Protein backbone atom coordinates (compact mmCIF):
# COMPACT_ATOMS: atom_id res chain seq x y z
CA UNK A 1 55.49 -23.65 -36.36
CA UNK A 2 52.16 -24.60 -38.01
CA UNK A 3 52.37 -28.03 -36.57
CA UNK A 4 52.78 -26.48 -33.02
CA UNK A 5 49.85 -24.21 -33.69
CA UNK A 6 47.61 -26.95 -34.87
CA UNK A 7 48.68 -29.04 -31.87
CA UNK A 8 47.83 -26.53 -29.40
CA UNK A 9 44.44 -25.96 -31.13
CA UNK A 10 43.73 -29.64 -31.01
CA UNK A 11 44.48 -29.62 -27.12
CA UNK A 12 42.22 -26.62 -26.62
CA UNK A 13 39.36 -28.22 -28.83
CA UNK A 14 39.91 -31.37 -26.89
CA UNK A 15 39.66 -29.64 -23.48
CA UNK A 16 36.65 -27.74 -24.51
CA UNK A 17 34.90 -31.16 -25.63
CA UNK A 18 35.91 -32.68 -22.27
CA UNK A 19 34.38 -29.65 -20.23
CA UNK A 20 31.33 -29.94 -22.46
CA UNK A 21 30.92 -33.76 -21.90
CA UNK A 22 31.47 -33.21 -18.24
CA UNK A 23 28.82 -30.50 -17.98
CA UNK A 24 26.48 -32.69 -19.98
CA UNK A 25 27.09 -35.56 -17.57
CA UNK A 26 26.67 -33.28 -14.46
CA UNK A 27 23.29 -32.09 -15.94
CA UNK A 28 21.98 -35.57 -16.64
CA UNK A 29 22.84 -36.57 -12.91
CA UNK A 30 21.36 -33.38 -11.53
CA UNK A 31 20.13 -33.04 -8.97
CA UNK A 32 21.65 -35.93 -6.95
CA UNK A 33 21.47 -34.21 -3.59
CA UNK A 34 19.56 -31.46 -1.56
CA UNK A 35 19.41 -28.14 -2.99
CA UNK A 36 19.69 -24.84 -0.99
CA UNK A 37 17.28 -21.99 -1.78
CA UNK A 38 18.48 -18.68 -0.39
CA UNK A 39 15.67 -16.21 0.58
CA UNK A 40 17.58 -13.09 1.04
CA UNK A 41 15.08 -11.63 3.62
CA UNK A 42 13.78 -12.74 7.05
CA UNK A 43 11.25 -15.28 7.91
CA UNK A 44 7.54 -14.74 7.60
CA UNK A 45 7.69 -12.07 4.80
CA UNK A 46 6.04 -12.56 1.49
CA UNK A 47 9.11 -13.73 -0.19
CA UNK A 48 9.61 -16.44 2.33
CA UNK A 49 6.11 -17.50 2.49
CA UNK A 50 5.84 -17.80 -1.28
CA UNK A 51 9.38 -19.12 -1.72
CA UNK A 52 8.72 -22.06 0.78
CA UNK A 53 5.46 -22.90 -1.06
CA UNK A 54 7.21 -23.05 -4.39
CA UNK A 55 10.09 -24.95 -2.79
CA UNK A 56 7.56 -27.74 -1.85
CA UNK A 57 6.25 -27.84 -5.33
CA UNK A 58 9.71 -27.81 -6.79
CA UNK A 59 10.80 -30.76 -4.64
CA UNK A 60 8.08 -33.06 -6.06
CA UNK A 61 9.50 -32.26 -9.59
CA UNK A 62 13.11 -32.60 -8.76
CA UNK A 63 13.11 -35.56 -6.40
CA UNK A 64 15.31 -33.91 -4.05
CA UNK A 65 14.75 -31.70 -0.96
CA UNK A 66 15.07 -28.02 -1.15
CA UNK A 67 16.44 -26.34 2.16
CA UNK A 68 15.24 -22.88 2.56
CA UNK A 69 17.96 -20.65 4.19
CA UNK A 70 17.08 -17.09 5.20
CA UNK A 71 20.14 -14.98 4.71
CA UNK A 72 18.72 -11.45 5.31
CA UNK A 73 20.56 -8.11 5.45
CA UNK A 74 21.18 -4.81 3.42
CA UNK A 75 17.84 -4.97 1.32
CA UNK A 76 18.46 -8.67 0.33
CA UNK A 77 22.04 -8.00 -0.84
CA UNK A 78 23.74 -10.23 1.75
CA UNK A 79 21.86 -13.24 0.50
CA UNK A 80 22.53 -12.05 -3.03
CA UNK A 81 26.32 -12.05 -2.34
CA UNK A 82 26.00 -15.36 -0.61
CA UNK A 83 24.43 -16.77 -3.85
CA UNK A 84 27.12 -15.34 -5.94
CA UNK A 85 29.89 -16.77 -3.65
CA UNK A 86 28.47 -20.39 -4.01
CA UNK A 87 29.57 -23.01 -6.28
CA UNK A 88 28.14 -22.96 -9.92
CA UNK A 89 26.86 -26.22 -9.79
CA UNK A 90 23.07 -25.58 -9.42
CA UNK A 91 22.83 -26.65 -5.77
CA UNK A 92 22.46 -22.99 -4.60
CA UNK A 93 19.52 -21.12 -5.98
CA UNK A 94 17.87 -17.90 -4.77
CA UNK A 95 14.16 -16.83 -4.53
CA UNK A 96 14.21 -13.11 -4.36
CA UNK A 97 12.00 -10.17 -4.43
CA UNK A 98 12.48 -6.80 -6.43
CA UNK A 99 15.16 -5.20 -4.40
CA UNK A 100 17.88 -6.70 -6.46
CA UNK A 101 16.93 -4.13 -9.12
CA UNK A 102 17.64 -1.25 -7.02
CA UNK A 103 20.92 -2.23 -5.14
CA UNK A 104 23.17 -0.37 -7.40
CA UNK A 105 21.27 3.10 -7.48
CA UNK A 106 20.87 2.72 -3.78
CA UNK A 107 24.40 2.17 -3.21
CA UNK A 108 23.92 -1.03 -1.52
CA UNK A 109 25.82 -3.38 -3.75
CA UNK A 110 27.21 -3.68 -7.15
CA UNK A 111 25.25 -6.57 -7.96
CA UNK A 112 22.16 -6.45 -10.21
CA UNK A 113 19.88 -8.63 -12.29
CA UNK A 114 22.81 -8.94 -14.90
CA UNK A 115 24.82 -11.03 -12.28
CA UNK A 116 21.99 -13.64 -12.24
CA UNK A 117 20.13 -15.90 -14.77
CA UNK A 118 16.28 -16.08 -14.29
CA UNK A 119 14.71 -19.54 -14.02
CA UNK A 120 11.13 -18.31 -13.45
CA UNK A 121 9.28 -15.05 -12.45
CA UNK A 122 6.75 -16.50 -10.13
CA UNK A 123 4.55 -14.02 -8.34
CA UNK A 124 3.46 -10.53 -7.53
CA UNK A 125 1.97 -10.02 -4.06
CA UNK A 126 -0.46 -7.13 -4.29
CA UNK A 127 0.28 -4.16 -1.91
CA UNK A 128 -2.57 -3.10 0.28
CA UNK A 129 -2.95 -0.08 2.71
CA UNK A 130 -4.01 -1.29 6.00
CA UNK A 131 -4.80 0.42 9.43
CA UNK A 132 -5.60 -1.19 12.76
CA UNK A 133 -9.22 -2.22 13.74
CA UNK A 134 -9.73 0.78 15.84
CA UNK A 135 -8.24 3.16 13.53
CA UNK A 136 -10.44 6.51 12.72
CA UNK A 137 -10.02 5.82 9.09
CA UNK A 138 -12.49 3.73 7.40
CA UNK A 139 -11.82 4.72 3.87
CA UNK A 140 -8.62 5.49 1.73
CA UNK A 141 -10.19 8.82 1.02
CA UNK A 142 -10.43 9.78 4.65
CA UNK A 143 -6.64 8.64 5.09
CA UNK A 144 -5.45 10.33 2.01
CA UNK A 145 -7.28 13.49 3.02
CA UNK A 146 -5.65 13.59 6.50
CA UNK A 147 -2.23 12.90 4.90
CA UNK A 148 -2.60 15.89 2.53
CA UNK A 149 -3.68 18.24 5.21
CA UNK A 150 -0.85 17.05 7.63
CA UNK A 151 2.20 16.39 5.47
CA UNK A 152 5.00 14.30 7.20
CA UNK A 153 2.65 13.89 10.22
CA UNK A 154 0.84 10.56 9.48
CA UNK A 155 3.10 7.69 10.07
CA UNK A 156 3.60 4.68 7.77
CA UNK A 157 5.83 1.76 8.47
CA UNK A 158 8.05 0.37 5.86
CA UNK A 159 11.09 -1.76 5.55
CA UNK A 160 13.55 0.96 4.52
CA UNK A 161 14.99 2.87 1.40
CA UNK A 162 14.53 1.20 -1.99
CA UNK A 163 12.01 -1.52 -1.06
CA UNK A 164 8.61 -1.81 -2.42
CA UNK A 165 6.97 0.10 0.50
CA UNK A 166 9.26 2.93 -0.05
CA UNK A 167 8.58 2.97 -3.57
CA UNK A 168 4.83 2.93 -2.93
CA UNK A 169 5.30 5.94 -0.57
CA UNK A 170 7.12 7.79 -3.47
CA UNK A 171 4.17 7.12 -5.76
CA UNK A 172 1.91 8.86 -3.11
CA UNK A 173 4.30 11.76 -3.16
CA UNK A 174 3.86 12.06 -6.88
CA UNK A 175 0.22 13.08 -6.09
CA UNK A 176 0.81 15.44 -3.24
CA UNK A 177 0.70 12.92 -0.34
CA UNK A 178 3.40 12.87 2.10
CA UNK A 179 3.35 10.38 4.84
CA UNK A 180 5.95 10.30 7.62
CA UNK A 181 8.07 7.08 7.05
CA UNK A 182 9.09 4.85 9.91
CA UNK A 183 11.39 2.12 9.07
CA UNK A 184 11.39 -1.38 10.60
CA UNK A 185 13.68 -4.46 9.95
CA UNK A 186 10.98 -6.43 8.28
CA UNK A 187 7.42 -6.38 6.81
CA UNK A 188 6.27 -8.48 9.76
CA UNK A 189 7.64 -5.93 12.19
CA UNK A 190 5.93 -3.10 10.24
CA UNK A 191 2.54 -4.97 10.49
CA UNK A 192 3.03 -5.32 14.20
CA UNK A 193 3.63 -1.66 14.57
CA UNK A 194 0.18 -1.05 12.89
CA UNK A 195 -1.41 -3.69 15.14
CA UNK A 196 -0.01 -1.95 18.19
CA UNK A 197 -0.85 1.51 17.16
CA UNK A 198 2.76 2.58 16.97
CA UNK A 199 2.07 3.81 13.30
CA UNK A 200 -1.03 4.84 11.58
CA UNK A 201 -0.75 2.58 8.56
CA UNK A 202 1.46 0.31 6.26
CA UNK A 203 1.62 -0.68 2.55
CA UNK A 204 1.83 -4.35 3.07
CA UNK A 205 1.93 -7.47 0.75
CA UNK A 206 -1.71 -8.80 0.83
CA UNK A 207 -0.39 -12.46 1.63
CA UNK A 208 1.17 -11.37 4.93
CA UNK A 209 -2.03 -9.35 6.31
CA UNK A 210 -4.77 -11.63 4.69
CA UNK A 211 -5.44 -13.29 7.97
CA UNK A 212 -5.52 -10.12 9.87
CA UNK A 213 -7.94 -8.59 7.55
CA UNK A 214 -10.20 -11.71 7.75
CA UNK A 215 -10.15 -11.67 11.57
CA UNK A 216 -10.76 -7.80 11.74
CA UNK A 217 -7.56 -6.99 13.34
CA UNK A 218 -6.76 -4.82 10.46
CA UNK A 219 -8.76 -2.88 7.94
CA UNK A 220 -7.95 -2.93 4.30
CA UNK A 221 -8.54 0.54 2.83
CA UNK A 222 -7.30 -0.20 -0.65
CA UNK A 223 -5.24 -2.22 -2.99
CA UNK A 224 -2.42 -0.31 -4.64
CA UNK A 225 -3.34 -1.18 -8.21
CA UNK A 226 -5.76 -0.24 -10.80
CA UNK A 227 -7.74 -3.27 -10.31
CA UNK A 228 -9.48 -4.82 -7.31
CA UNK A 229 -8.70 -8.28 -5.88
CA UNK A 230 -10.98 -10.84 -7.39
CA UNK A 231 -11.74 -12.54 -4.07
CA UNK A 232 -12.17 -9.13 -2.08
CA UNK A 233 -14.45 -7.05 -4.20
CA UNK A 234 -15.21 -4.71 -1.20
CA UNK A 235 -11.45 -3.32 -1.26
CA UNK A 236 -11.16 -0.55 -3.60
CA UNK A 237 -8.42 -0.08 -5.97
CA UNK A 238 -6.29 2.95 -5.34
CA UNK A 239 -6.15 3.88 -9.17
CA UNK A 240 -10.06 4.58 -8.73
CA UNK A 241 -9.29 7.03 -6.07
CA UNK A 242 -6.31 8.74 -7.48
CA UNK A 243 -6.79 10.14 -11.09
CA UNK A 244 -4.18 9.63 -13.58
CA UNK A 245 -2.29 7.10 -11.65
CA UNK A 246 -2.37 4.25 -14.09
CA UNK A 247 1.30 4.61 -14.93
CA UNK A 248 2.44 4.11 -11.53
CA UNK A 249 -0.08 1.48 -10.35
CA UNK A 250 0.01 -0.90 -13.30
CA UNK A 251 3.57 -2.33 -12.58
CA UNK A 252 4.08 -5.17 -10.39
CA UNK A 253 6.07 -3.68 -7.54
CA UNK A 254 6.72 -6.92 -5.75
CA UNK A 255 7.96 -9.39 -8.24
CA UNK A 256 9.27 -12.63 -6.97
CA UNK A 257 11.63 -14.72 -8.98
CA UNK A 258 13.72 -17.90 -8.89
CA UNK A 259 17.23 -17.09 -10.08
CA UNK A 260 20.79 -18.56 -10.04
CA UNK A 261 24.21 -17.05 -10.47
CA UNK A 262 24.85 -16.49 -14.19
CA UNK A 263 27.62 -18.95 -14.76
CA UNK A 264 25.47 -22.11 -13.75
CA UNK A 265 25.65 -24.22 -16.76
CA UNK A 266 22.63 -23.77 -19.22
CA UNK A 267 21.89 -27.71 -19.09
CA UNK A 268 21.43 -27.36 -15.32
CA UNK A 269 19.26 -24.06 -15.68
CA UNK A 270 17.19 -26.01 -18.21
CA UNK A 271 16.49 -28.74 -15.56
CA UNK A 272 15.49 -26.05 -13.16
CA UNK A 273 13.38 -24.31 -15.59
CA UNK A 274 11.51 -27.41 -16.58
CA UNK A 275 10.94 -28.38 -12.83
CA UNK A 276 9.67 -24.88 -12.20
CA UNK A 277 7.15 -24.78 -15.13
CA UNK A 278 5.67 -28.01 -13.78
CA UNK A 279 5.99 -26.96 -10.21
CA UNK A 280 3.47 -23.93 -10.90
CA UNK A 281 0.91 -26.25 -12.06
CA UNK A 282 0.81 -28.14 -8.57
CA UNK A 283 -2.58 -28.11 -7.25
CA UNK A 284 -1.51 -27.16 -3.59
CA UNK A 285 0.55 -24.33 -4.98
CA UNK A 286 -2.06 -23.00 -7.22
CA UNK A 287 -4.46 -22.98 -4.33
CA UNK A 288 -1.95 -20.98 -2.23
CA UNK A 289 -1.64 -18.44 -5.00
CA UNK A 290 -5.42 -18.19 -5.69
CA UNK A 291 -6.30 -17.97 -1.98
CA UNK A 292 -3.92 -15.18 -1.36
CA UNK A 293 -4.82 -13.24 -4.53
CA UNK A 294 -1.13 -13.36 -5.60
CA UNK A 295 -0.68 -12.42 -9.28
CA UNK A 296 0.65 -15.45 -11.32
CA UNK A 297 3.54 -13.62 -13.35
CA UNK A 298 4.54 -16.94 -14.69
CA UNK A 299 1.37 -16.97 -16.88
CA UNK A 300 2.50 -13.48 -18.23
CA UNK A 301 6.20 -13.84 -18.64
CA UNK A 302 6.59 -17.34 -20.03
CA UNK A 303 10.02 -17.38 -21.57
CA UNK A 304 13.58 -16.30 -20.22
CA UNK A 305 13.62 -13.52 -22.96
CA UNK A 306 10.18 -12.27 -21.63
CA UNK A 307 11.48 -12.47 -18.07
CA UNK A 308 14.67 -10.52 -18.75
CA UNK A 309 12.74 -7.69 -20.78
CA UNK A 310 10.16 -7.41 -17.84
CA UNK A 311 13.04 -7.25 -15.10
CA UNK A 312 15.00 -4.76 -17.08
CA UNK A 313 12.00 -2.40 -17.70
CA UNK A 314 11.16 -2.78 -13.89
CA UNK A 315 14.70 -1.80 -13.00
CA UNK A 316 14.56 1.33 -15.14
CA UNK A 317 11.13 2.40 -14.06
CA UNK A 318 11.65 2.07 -10.37
CA UNK A 319 15.49 3.21 -10.42
CA UNK A 320 14.43 6.44 -12.10
CA UNK A 321 11.45 6.90 -9.74
CA UNK A 322 13.80 6.61 -6.87
CA UNK A 323 16.43 8.96 -8.41
CA UNK A 324 13.80 11.55 -9.23
CA UNK A 325 12.71 11.76 -5.68
CA UNK A 326 16.29 12.12 -4.51
CA UNK A 327 16.34 8.89 -2.75
CA UNK A 328 19.44 7.18 -4.46
CA UNK A 329 23.15 7.34 -3.95
CA UNK A 330 23.92 6.84 -7.63
CA UNK A 331 22.16 8.03 -10.92
CA UNK A 332 20.76 5.12 -13.12
CA UNK A 333 22.92 6.88 -15.86
CA UNK A 334 25.92 5.48 -14.06
CA UNK A 335 24.92 2.12 -14.92
CA UNK A 336 23.70 2.79 -18.19
CA UNK A 337 20.00 2.46 -17.35
CA UNK A 338 18.01 4.35 -19.74
CA UNK A 339 15.01 6.50 -18.57
CA UNK A 340 11.94 4.55 -19.66
């Protein structure tokens, strides 16, 4: 009997060594063909814009083309499921925004950050409140005063429940400001709605409205942060206007990350990480980030452990904010998400 057990153990160990050797050989040869980068949102939004710029920089490091594929729907969860359903060989990656952290509490998907492994957290595109060029509002104080005087009357475009625009609206609610929310399929459509005077304002990612601000087609009333944009000192910080708002306005509400499904071999993830760390140094990519005042989160969260801790904390803060506002289907407690 002992001989049989020993033989079985030997077979299992041999199989394990063969799999390990196969994985190592796979990593040594990786990548040998084009990589698909899923962006789980429509074209033209901040995740798409930053993702495409990052893909160009990554291509230079990996020596293979990266094909960006927009797989939008259900707050990014359609693209997330597409990534999960792909082969675990590293040839499908995902460049995603923050909504992955709210899918479960919003009842959109059972997936969460736990189903993926981070490669790098790249960026946070600051949120700015903008109005049309002919709007009667010239300051954020004027807009906030009118919102407070007319609750649920002043229309704001956003991309639907659980997204960063929705979260920003909930933050305004915390201080007694209740805009009327009008949902659009994408951030780009929400901006068009402001340009066409279909709504009064939107809370947009800066990179997507920068050209409109510079052309004068939109007026930027504030940046939704405690600090101003370095290149645009005339745009005030919302934190300077709303007292005691630091807790809500200090967090990056639009973190963009490169991730893979969590059973992609570590050796392949390491290849991707090394390439990503070099890609963010690319002069063209750095210029894009600087010109668009995009926060360089890769400088703040430098290790996988740092990234996981940040994303976990982000998920907890925002999930509980949404839950406390009555905006969720499920409680964070259902998923053992502790209140921060």
